[in-house]
Amino acid sequence: MAFQVEITYSNGYRCGCCARDWEHSEWVDTLQEALEKVPVELIDGDPLQFNGDMEVTKVTVVDGSTGEEVARATAHWSTGYGRYSGYNFTCWSGFRPDVGSFETVYKGRTKVEETWREVLEDLREKQAQADLAKAQADLAKAQQRLQSLTK
């Protein structure tokens, strides 16, 4: 039985204008060999670099005889919460038959104990507070301008 391991790499940029992806596919003979290519935690170094010149963004293992997906892992970024926010947090999550579902969250290169859902909720709250503060400042400025025009 053979397994196909499909790995998607990125150049490390997280904005749409700069990000570039490319794929690599290889065949291995055993499930154990295939699962070694699907890390539960992101690590620096070869073959799966993280936060370097090249990042692994997705790994999929497919059973060659059935075409069934056996294992997978995908990176997610905290985009949409302020400028350059895609570099703040990374979630590496997926499934492997030997460990089940997994999710590891990083702030930069440091592993954190929060879940991805908690991180996103915190970021949404911080963004809402920043938006509210900006709106209040804009309102105060507009009221000042209105007062100066009505005098």
Protein backbone atom coordinates (compact mmCIF):
# COMPACT_ATOMS: atom_id res chain seq x y z
CA MET A 1 0.00 0.00 0.00
CA ALA A 2 1.35 3.48 -0.88
CA PHE A 3 0.42 6.91 0.40
CA GLN A 4 0.62 10.22 -1.39
CA VAL A 5 1.81 13.16 0.70
CA GLU A 6 0.88 16.56 -0.70
CA ILE A 7 2.59 19.57 0.89
CA THR A 8 1.77 23.20 0.11
CA TYR A 9 4.55 25.68 0.81
CA SER A 10 4.37 29.47 1.04
CA ASN A 11 7.01 32.15 0.73
CA GLY A 12 6.02 33.34 4.22
CA TYR A 13 4.11 36.45 3.17
CA ARG A 14 0.55 36.63 4.41
CA CYS A 15 -0.92 39.42 2.30
CA GLY A 16 -2.63 38.65 -0.99
CA CYS A 17 -0.32 40.80 -3.11
CA CYS A 18 2.92 39.18 -1.94
CA ALA A 19 1.99 35.61 -0.98
CA ARG A 20 3.12 32.83 -3.31
CA ASP A 21 2.39 29.14 -2.87
CA TRP A 22 3.75 26.02 -4.50
CA GLU A 23 3.00 22.36 -4.03
CA HIS A 24 5.12 19.28 -3.61
CA SER A 25 3.87 15.72 -3.85
CA GLU A 26 5.63 12.50 -3.01
CA TRP A 27 4.77 8.87 -2.50
CA VAL A 28 5.79 6.85 0.55
CA ASP A 29 5.35 3.16 1.23
CA THR A 30 3.94 3.13 4.76
CA LEU A 31 1.40 5.07 6.76
CA GLN A 32 4.03 5.71 9.43
CA GLU A 33 6.31 7.41 6.87
CA ALA A 34 3.37 9.50 5.66
CA LEU A 35 2.35 10.57 9.17
CA GLU A 36 5.90 11.71 9.92
CA LYS A 37 5.31 14.38 7.26
CA VAL A 38 2.22 15.71 9.11
CA PRO A 39 3.51 17.44 12.25
CA VAL A 40 1.18 18.04 15.18
CA GLU A 41 3.21 21.13 16.05
CA LEU A 42 5.02 23.46 13.69
CA ILE A 43 8.77 23.26 14.03
CA ASP A 44 11.70 25.21 12.65
CA GLY A 45 14.04 23.52 10.27
CA ASP A 46 13.84 21.01 7.47
CA PRO A 47 11.74 19.63 5.99
CA LEU A 48 8.96 21.79 7.46
CA GLN A 49 10.14 25.35 8.03
CA PHE A 50 7.97 27.77 9.94
CA ASN A 51 8.34 31.56 10.09
CA GLY A 52 11.41 31.46 7.91
CA ASP A 53 12.02 31.83 4.21
CA MET A 54 9.49 29.10 3.53
CA GLU A 55 6.44 27.93 5.42
CA VAL A 56 4.35 24.81 5.17
CA THR A 57 0.72 25.86 4.95
CA LYS A 58 -0.98 22.51 4.31
CA VAL A 59 -0.16 18.81 4.41
CA THR A 60 -2.51 16.09 3.17
CA VAL A 61 -2.00 12.32 3.17
CA VAL A 62 -4.07 10.28 0.72
CA ASP A 63 -4.33 6.49 0.65
CA GLY A 64 -3.14 5.52 -2.83
CA SER A 65 -5.37 2.46 -3.08
CA THR A 66 -8.67 4.07 -2.03
CA GLY A 67 -8.09 7.77 -2.72
CA GLU A 68 -9.32 8.48 0.82
CA GLU A 69 -7.78 11.33 2.83
CA VAL A 70 -6.06 9.75 5.82
CA ALA A 71 -4.48 12.78 7.53
CA ARG A 72 -4.32 16.53 7.07
CA ALA A 73 -3.02 19.70 8.67
CA THR A 74 -3.52 23.34 7.74
CA ALA A 75 -2.18 26.70 8.93
CA HIS A 76 -4.51 29.60 9.67
CA TRP A 77 -3.54 33.22 10.36
CA SER A 78 -5.12 35.98 12.39
CA THR A 79 -5.78 38.29 9.44
CA GLY A 80 -8.26 41.15 9.54
CA TYR A 81 -7.40 42.51 13.00
CA GLY A 82 -5.22 45.51 12.31
CA ARG A 83 -2.28 46.03 9.98
CA TYR A 84 0.11 43.06 9.66
CA SER A 85 -2.10 41.02 12.00
CA GLY A 86 -1.53 37.89 9.93
CA TYR A 87 1.89 37.63 11.52
CA ASN A 88 0.63 37.85 15.12
CA PHE A 89 -0.98 34.44 15.56
CA THR A 90 -0.83 31.16 13.68
CA CYS A 91 -2.99 28.09 14.21
CA TRP A 92 -1.82 24.69 13.01
CA SER A 93 -4.69 22.22 13.10
CA GLY A 94 -5.74 18.96 11.56
CA PHE A 95 -6.24 15.25 12.04
CA ARG A 96 -4.00 12.21 12.21
CA PRO A 97 -5.36 8.71 12.86
CA ASP A 98 -2.73 8.03 15.53
CA VAL A 99 -3.40 11.20 17.60
CA GLY A 100 -6.87 12.32 16.47
CA SER A 101 -7.73 15.99 16.00
CA PHE A 102 -5.14 18.55 17.04
CA GLU A 103 -4.78 22.32 17.26
CA THR A 104 -1.65 24.23 18.20
CA VAL A 105 -1.69 28.03 18.47
CA TYR A 106 1.41 30.23 18.26
CA LYS A 107 2.04 33.90 18.96
CA GLY A 108 4.98 34.55 16.68
CA ARG A 109 7.08 31.44 17.29
CA THR A 110 5.91 30.86 20.86
CA LYS A 111 3.24 28.27 21.56
CA VAL A 112 0.30 29.60 23.57
CA GLU A 113 -2.28 27.73 25.62
CA GLU A 114 -5.30 29.54 24.19
CA THR A 115 -7.55 27.89 21.63
CA TRP A 116 -7.83 29.41 18.16
CA ARG A 117 -11.42 30.40 18.92
CA GLU A 118 -10.30 32.26 22.07
CA VAL A 119 -7.53 34.04 20.16
CA LEU A 120 -9.93 35.19 17.44
CA GLU A 121 -12.52 36.36 20.00
CA ASP A 122 -9.85 38.37 21.85
CA LEU A 123 -8.66 39.91 18.58
CA ARG A 124 -12.22 40.78 17.54
CA GLU A 125 -12.80 42.47 20.90
CA LYS A 126 -9.56 44.47 20.65
CA GLN A 127 -10.44 45.49 17.09
CA ALA A 128 -13.94 46.55 18.18
CA GLN A 129 -12.44 48.65 21.00
CA ALA A 130 -9.99 50.28 18.59
CA ASP A 131 -12.81 50.98 16.11
CA LEU A 132 -14.96 52.48 18.88
CA ALA A 133 -12.10 54.70 20.11
CA LYS A 134 -11.49 55.93 16.56
CA ALA A 135 -15.20 56.59 16.00
CA GLN A 136 -15.42 58.53 19.28
CA ALA A 137 -12.37 60.61 18.34
CA ASP A 138 -13.85 61.29 14.90
CA LEU A 139 -17.17 62.29 16.51
CA ALA A 140 -15.45 64.68 18.92
CA LYS A 141 -13.52 66.23 16.04
CA ALA A 142 -16.70 66.60 13.96
CA GLN A 143 -18.55 68.18 16.91
CA GLN A 144 -15.71 70.67 17.39
CA ARG A 145 -15.82 71.55 13.71
CA LEU A 146 -19.59 71.93 13.85
CA GLN A 147 -19.35 74.25 16.85
CA SER A 148 -16.72 76.37 15.12
CA LEU A 149 -18.94 76.70 12.05
CA THR A 150 -22.06 77.66 14.00
CA LYS A 151 -20.41 80.52 15.93
